[in-house]
Structure formats: C-alpha cells, structure tokens
C-alpha cells in the first residue's frame, strides 16, 4: 500500500543509488551513462505513457505512469533538484489559473 511518503522514500533510494556500482544498480547505470541518457529514458517513458493513455487499459497506464515518475525522480536526483522544490512550486501555483500563471511568465 502506498502512502504520502512513497515519493520521499523513492527520492532517498535514488539519492543512495546514484553513486552505487552500475553493475548492481539501474539508477547508478543510468547516472553513469549521463544526463542525456536519463533525459532520453524520461522522454521514452513519457511517450509510452501517452500511448498507454490512448490505447491501453488502466493497469497499463498505471504501470507507465509509475515508470515515468521513477525516471523523472532519477532526473531530479541527477540534477540535484529536491522533490520538495518541485512541490513548493506546485504549492505556489495552487489556486492560480493556468492561463494566468502562464501569462505571468517572462517572455523570451
């Protein structure tokens, strides 16, 4: 059974495994291959999530979303961005219209 601490436990596990032996840890193996490979895997999982949402059943979608979240957490770990920072940004946006929030962003 999951709990609100699931993502915190996953973040801690990923942090612990980033520097592990790539022969014994998938997280370490991804990290050893570099940020580009981690980003590529995240993109692959995002694509698989979209495909599952459009063509698969609920169980397949749940599995793909779990893979997507996992790889997103690996990317955050590799970049040294704590999940708390992402959650704080979501908290900041709460109650703000998505249209208004996007309009308030600096224009490039």
N, C-alpha and C. Protein backbone atom coordinates (compact mmCIF):
# COMPACT_ATOMS: atom_id res chain seq x y z
N UNK A 1 0.84 -1.19 0.00
CA UNK A 1 0.00 0.00 0.00
C UNK A 1 0.88 1.24 0.00
N UNK A 2 0.50 2.21 -0.81
CA UNK A 2 1.29 3.43 -0.89
C UNK A 2 0.89 4.41 0.21
N UNK A 3 1.72 5.39 0.40
CA UNK A 3 1.46 6.42 1.40
C UNK A 3 2.02 7.73 0.89
N UNK A 4 1.73 8.83 1.58
CA UNK A 4 2.31 10.11 1.17
C UNK A 4 3.83 10.11 1.18
N UNK A 5 4.41 9.15 1.88
CA UNK A 5 5.87 9.09 1.97
C UNK A 5 6.51 8.31 0.83
N UNK A 6 5.71 7.76 -0.07
CA UNK A 6 6.25 6.94 -1.16
C UNK A 6 7.29 7.71 -1.97
N UNK A 7 6.97 8.93 -2.38
CA UNK A 7 7.91 9.70 -3.19
C UNK A 7 9.15 10.10 -2.39
N UNK A 8 8.98 10.38 -1.12
CA UNK A 8 10.14 10.71 -0.28
C UNK A 8 11.06 9.50 -0.15
N UNK A 9 10.49 8.31 0.03
CA UNK A 9 11.31 7.09 0.10
C UNK A 9 12.00 6.84 -1.23
N UNK A 10 11.28 7.04 -2.33
CA UNK A 10 11.89 6.85 -3.64
C UNK A 10 13.03 7.83 -3.86
N UNK A 11 12.82 9.08 -3.47
CA UNK A 11 13.88 10.09 -3.61
C UNK A 11 15.12 9.69 -2.82
N UNK A 12 14.93 9.20 -1.60
CA UNK A 12 16.07 8.78 -0.76
C UNK A 12 16.78 7.58 -1.37
N UNK A 13 16.03 6.64 -1.89
CA UNK A 13 16.62 5.46 -2.51
C UNK A 13 17.44 5.84 -3.73
N UNK A 14 16.88 6.72 -4.56
CA UNK A 14 17.60 7.18 -5.76
C UNK A 14 18.87 7.90 -5.37
N UNK A 15 18.81 8.77 -4.37
CA UNK A 15 20.00 9.50 -3.92
C UNK A 15 21.08 8.53 -3.45
N UNK A 16 20.66 7.49 -2.75
CA UNK A 16 21.61 6.49 -2.25
C UNK A 16 22.25 5.72 -3.39
N UNK A 17 21.50 5.47 -4.45
CA UNK A 17 21.98 4.62 -5.53
C UNK A 17 22.68 5.36 -6.67
N UNK A 18 22.60 6.68 -6.69
CA UNK A 18 23.24 7.44 -7.78
C UNK A 18 24.71 7.11 -7.92
N UNK A 19 25.39 6.94 -6.79
CA UNK A 19 26.81 6.67 -6.83
C UNK A 19 27.18 5.21 -6.62
N UNK A 20 26.20 4.33 -6.69
CA UNK A 20 26.46 2.90 -6.48
C UNK A 20 27.15 2.29 -7.70
N UNK A 21 27.43 1.02 -7.61
CA UNK A 21 28.05 0.28 -8.70
C UNK A 21 27.04 0.12 -9.83
N UNK A 22 27.34 0.62 -11.03
CA UNK A 22 26.41 0.48 -12.16
C UNK A 22 26.08 -0.96 -12.51
N UNK A 23 26.93 -1.90 -12.11
CA UNK A 23 26.65 -3.31 -12.37
C UNK A 23 25.54 -3.86 -11.48
N UNK A 24 25.27 -3.17 -10.36
CA UNK A 24 24.28 -3.68 -9.42
C UNK A 24 23.09 -2.75 -9.22
N UNK A 25 23.09 -1.58 -9.88
CA UNK A 25 22.00 -0.62 -9.68
C UNK A 25 21.62 0.04 -11.01
N UNK A 26 20.34 -0.07 -11.34
CA UNK A 26 19.84 0.57 -12.56
C UNK A 26 20.00 2.09 -12.48
N UNK A 27 19.72 2.66 -11.31
CA UNK A 27 19.87 4.11 -11.13
C UNK A 27 21.33 4.51 -11.37
N UNK A 28 22.26 3.78 -10.79
CA UNK A 28 23.68 4.07 -10.99
C UNK A 28 24.09 3.90 -12.44
N UNK A 29 23.55 2.88 -13.10
CA UNK A 29 23.85 2.65 -14.51
C UNK A 29 23.38 3.82 -15.37
N UNK A 30 22.15 4.28 -15.13
CA UNK A 30 21.65 5.45 -15.86
C UNK A 30 22.53 6.67 -15.59
N UNK A 31 22.84 6.90 -14.32
CA UNK A 31 23.64 8.05 -13.94
C UNK A 31 25.03 7.99 -14.59
N UNK A 32 25.63 6.81 -14.65
CA UNK A 32 26.95 6.66 -15.26
C UNK A 32 26.91 6.96 -16.75
N UNK A 33 25.77 6.73 -17.37
CA UNK A 33 25.64 6.99 -18.81
C UNK A 33 25.39 8.46 -19.11
N UNK A 34 25.09 9.23 -18.08
CA UNK A 34 25.00 10.68 -18.24
C UNK A 34 23.59 11.23 -18.31
N UNK A 35 23.53 12.53 -18.18
CA UNK A 35 22.25 13.24 -18.16
C UNK A 35 21.46 13.04 -19.45
N UNK A 36 22.17 12.98 -20.58
CA UNK A 36 21.49 12.78 -21.85
C UNK A 36 20.71 11.48 -21.88
N UNK A 37 21.29 10.41 -21.35
CA UNK A 37 20.61 9.10 -21.31
C UNK A 37 19.44 9.14 -20.35
N UNK A 38 19.61 9.79 -19.22
CA UNK A 38 18.50 9.91 -18.26
C UNK A 38 17.34 10.66 -18.91
N UNK A 39 17.64 11.76 -19.58
CA UNK A 39 16.61 12.55 -20.24
C UNK A 39 15.95 11.75 -21.36
N UNK A 40 16.73 10.98 -22.09
CA UNK A 40 16.19 10.14 -23.15
C UNK A 40 15.20 9.12 -22.58
N UNK A 41 15.59 8.47 -21.48
CA UNK A 41 14.70 7.49 -20.85
C UNK A 41 13.42 8.15 -20.35
N UNK A 42 13.52 9.35 -19.81
CA UNK A 42 12.33 10.07 -19.37
C UNK A 42 11.41 10.34 -20.56
N UNK A 43 11.99 10.76 -21.67
CA UNK A 43 11.20 11.00 -22.88
C UNK A 43 10.53 9.73 -23.39
N UNK A 44 11.25 8.62 -23.36
CA UNK A 44 10.68 7.35 -23.79
C UNK A 44 9.49 6.97 -22.90
N UNK A 45 9.67 7.15 -21.59
CA UNK A 45 8.59 6.80 -20.67
C UNK A 45 7.39 7.73 -20.84
N UNK A 46 7.65 9.00 -21.15
CA UNK A 46 6.54 9.93 -21.40
C UNK A 46 5.76 9.49 -22.63
N UNK A 47 6.47 9.10 -23.67
CA UNK A 47 5.81 8.63 -24.89
C UNK A 47 5.01 7.37 -24.61
N UNK A 48 5.59 6.43 -23.87
CA UNK A 48 4.87 5.20 -23.53
C UNK A 48 3.64 5.49 -22.68
N UNK A 49 3.72 6.51 -21.83
CA UNK A 49 2.56 6.89 -21.02
C UNK A 49 1.44 7.42 -21.90
N UNK A 50 1.79 8.26 -22.86
CA UNK A 50 0.79 8.79 -23.78
C UNK A 50 0.13 7.66 -24.58
N UNK A 51 0.94 6.75 -25.08
CA UNK A 51 0.41 5.62 -25.84
C UNK A 51 -0.52 4.78 -24.97
N UNK A 52 -0.11 4.51 -23.75
CA UNK A 52 -0.95 3.73 -22.84
C UNK A 52 -2.26 4.45 -22.56
N UNK A 53 -2.21 5.76 -22.40
CA UNK A 53 -3.42 6.53 -22.13
C UNK A 53 -4.41 6.44 -23.29
N UNK A 54 -3.87 6.38 -24.49
CA UNK A 54 -4.72 6.38 -25.67
C UNK A 54 -5.17 4.99 -26.12
N UNK A 55 -4.36 3.97 -25.81
CA UNK A 55 -4.65 2.67 -26.42
C UNK A 55 -4.70 1.49 -25.45
N UNK A 56 -4.28 1.68 -24.23
CA UNK A 56 -4.18 0.54 -23.30
C UNK A 56 -5.24 0.65 -22.20
N UNK A 57 -5.23 -0.36 -21.34
CA UNK A 57 -6.16 -0.36 -20.22
C UNK A 57 -5.58 0.41 -19.03
N UNK A 58 -6.37 0.53 -18.01
CA UNK A 58 -5.99 1.27 -16.80
C UNK A 58 -4.70 0.74 -16.17
N UNK A 59 -4.59 -0.59 -16.08
CA UNK A 59 -3.41 -1.21 -15.47
C UNK A 59 -2.14 -0.84 -16.23
N UNK A 60 -2.20 -0.85 -17.55
CA UNK A 60 -1.03 -0.48 -18.36
C UNK A 60 -0.68 0.99 -18.14
N UNK A 61 -1.69 1.84 -18.08
CA UNK A 61 -1.45 3.26 -17.84
C UNK A 61 -0.80 3.48 -16.48
N UNK A 62 -1.29 2.82 -15.45
CA UNK A 62 -0.72 2.97 -14.11
C UNK A 62 0.75 2.55 -14.13
N UNK A 63 1.07 1.45 -14.79
CA UNK A 63 2.45 0.99 -14.88
C UNK A 63 3.34 1.98 -15.60
N UNK A 64 2.86 2.53 -16.69
CA UNK A 64 3.66 3.51 -17.43
C UNK A 64 3.85 4.80 -16.66
N UNK A 65 2.82 5.24 -15.96
CA UNK A 65 2.96 6.45 -15.14
C UNK A 65 3.97 6.22 -14.02
N UNK A 66 3.96 5.03 -13.43
CA UNK A 66 4.95 4.71 -12.39
C UNK A 66 6.36 4.78 -12.98
N UNK A 67 6.55 4.23 -14.19
CA UNK A 67 7.86 4.31 -14.85
C UNK A 67 8.25 5.76 -15.11
N UNK A 68 7.28 6.56 -15.55
CA UNK A 68 7.53 7.97 -15.84
C UNK A 68 7.95 8.73 -14.58
N UNK A 69 7.22 8.53 -13.50
CA UNK A 69 7.55 9.21 -12.24
C UNK A 69 8.93 8.78 -11.75
N UNK A 70 9.20 7.48 -11.83
CA UNK A 70 10.52 6.98 -11.42
C UNK A 70 11.63 7.67 -12.20
N UNK A 71 11.52 7.70 -13.51
CA UNK A 71 12.58 8.30 -14.32
C UNK A 71 12.67 9.81 -14.12
N UNK A 72 11.53 10.45 -13.85
CA UNK A 72 11.56 11.88 -13.51
C UNK A 72 12.33 12.09 -12.21
N UNK A 73 12.11 11.22 -11.24
CA UNK A 73 12.82 11.33 -9.96
C UNK A 73 14.32 11.08 -10.14
N UNK A 74 14.69 10.17 -11.04
CA UNK A 74 16.11 9.94 -11.33
C UNK A 74 16.72 11.20 -11.93
N UNK A 75 16.00 11.83 -12.85
CA UNK A 75 16.50 13.07 -13.46
C UNK A 75 16.67 14.17 -12.41
N UNK A 76 15.67 14.34 -11.56
CA UNK A 76 15.79 15.35 -10.50
C UNK A 76 16.99 15.06 -9.60
N UNK A 77 17.18 13.79 -9.25
CA UNK A 77 18.32 13.42 -8.43
C UNK A 77 19.64 13.73 -9.10
N UNK A 78 19.73 13.42 -10.38
CA UNK A 78 20.97 13.67 -11.13
C UNK A 78 21.28 15.16 -11.22
N UNK A 79 20.24 15.97 -11.26
CA UNK A 79 20.41 17.42 -11.35
C UNK A 79 20.49 18.09 -9.98
N UNK A 80 20.33 17.30 -8.91
CA UNK A 80 20.39 17.86 -7.56
C UNK A 80 19.20 18.73 -7.21
N UNK A 81 18.06 18.45 -7.81
CA UNK A 81 16.85 19.22 -7.53
C UNK A 81 15.97 18.38 -6.59
N UNK A 82 15.80 18.84 -5.36
CA UNK A 82 14.98 18.08 -4.43
C UNK A 82 13.50 18.13 -4.81
N UNK A 83 12.80 17.03 -4.59
CA UNK A 83 11.37 16.97 -4.87
C UNK A 83 10.64 18.09 -4.12
N UNK A 84 11.10 18.43 -2.93
CA UNK A 84 10.46 19.50 -2.15
C UNK A 84 10.41 20.81 -2.92
N UNK A 85 11.42 21.07 -3.74
CA UNK A 85 11.44 22.30 -4.53
C UNK A 85 10.34 22.27 -5.60
N UNK A 86 10.14 21.12 -6.21
CA UNK A 86 9.07 20.98 -7.20
C UNK A 86 7.71 21.10 -6.52
N UNK A 87 7.56 20.46 -5.37
CA UNK A 87 6.31 20.55 -4.63
C UNK A 87 6.02 21.97 -4.19
N UNK A 88 7.05 22.71 -3.79
CA UNK A 88 6.88 24.12 -3.40
C UNK A 88 6.39 24.94 -4.59
N UNK A 89 6.90 24.64 -5.77
CA UNK A 89 6.45 25.36 -6.97
C UNK A 89 4.99 25.03 -7.27
N UNK A 90 4.61 23.77 -7.10
CA UNK A 90 3.20 23.41 -7.28
C UNK A 90 2.32 24.11 -6.25
N UNK A 91 2.79 24.18 -5.00
CA UNK A 91 2.05 24.91 -3.96
C UNK A 91 1.90 26.37 -4.34
N UNK A 92 2.96 26.97 -4.87
CA UNK A 92 2.92 28.38 -5.27
C UNK A 92 1.85 28.61 -6.34
N UNK A 93 1.71 27.65 -7.23
CA UNK A 93 0.76 27.79 -8.34
C UNK A 93 -0.68 27.46 -7.96
N UNK A 94 -0.85 26.82 -6.81
CA UNK A 94 -2.20 26.40 -6.41
C UNK A 94 -3.13 27.59 -6.32
N UNK A 95 -4.30 27.44 -6.89
CA UNK A 95 -5.30 28.49 -6.85
C UNK A 95 -5.11 29.56 -7.91
N UNK A 96 -4.08 29.41 -8.74
CA UNK A 96 -3.84 30.37 -9.81
C UNK A 96 -4.25 29.70 -11.11
N UNK A 97 -5.03 30.41 -11.89
CA UNK A 97 -5.43 29.89 -13.19
C UNK A 97 -4.20 29.55 -14.02
N UNK A 98 -4.23 28.40 -14.68
CA UNK A 98 -3.12 28.02 -15.55
C UNK A 98 -2.87 29.04 -16.63
N UNK A 99 -3.92 29.64 -17.12
CA UNK A 99 -3.78 30.66 -18.16
C UNK A 99 -3.10 31.90 -17.58
N UNK A 100 -3.51 32.31 -16.38
CA UNK A 100 -2.91 33.48 -15.74
C UNK A 100 -1.46 33.21 -15.36
N UNK A 101 -1.19 32.00 -14.86
CA UNK A 101 0.18 31.66 -14.47
C UNK A 101 1.10 31.69 -15.68
N UNK A 102 0.66 31.13 -16.78
CA UNK A 102 1.48 31.11 -17.99
C UNK A 102 1.70 32.52 -18.53
N UNK A 103 0.67 33.36 -18.47
CA UNK A 103 0.77 34.74 -18.95
C UNK A 103 1.75 35.56 -18.12
N UNK A 104 1.91 35.19 -16.83
CA UNK A 104 2.80 35.94 -15.94
C UNK A 104 4.26 35.55 -16.10
N UNK A 105 4.54 34.50 -16.84
CA UNK A 105 5.94 34.08 -17.03
C UNK A 105 6.68 35.07 -17.91
N UNK A 106 7.97 35.24 -17.65
CA UNK A 106 8.75 36.15 -18.52
C UNK A 106 8.73 35.66 -19.96
N UNK A 107 8.60 36.58 -20.87
CA UNK A 107 8.59 36.25 -22.30
C UNK A 107 10.00 36.23 -22.84
N UNK A 108 10.30 35.21 -23.64
CA UNK A 108 11.65 35.12 -24.26
C UNK A 108 11.66 35.79 -25.61
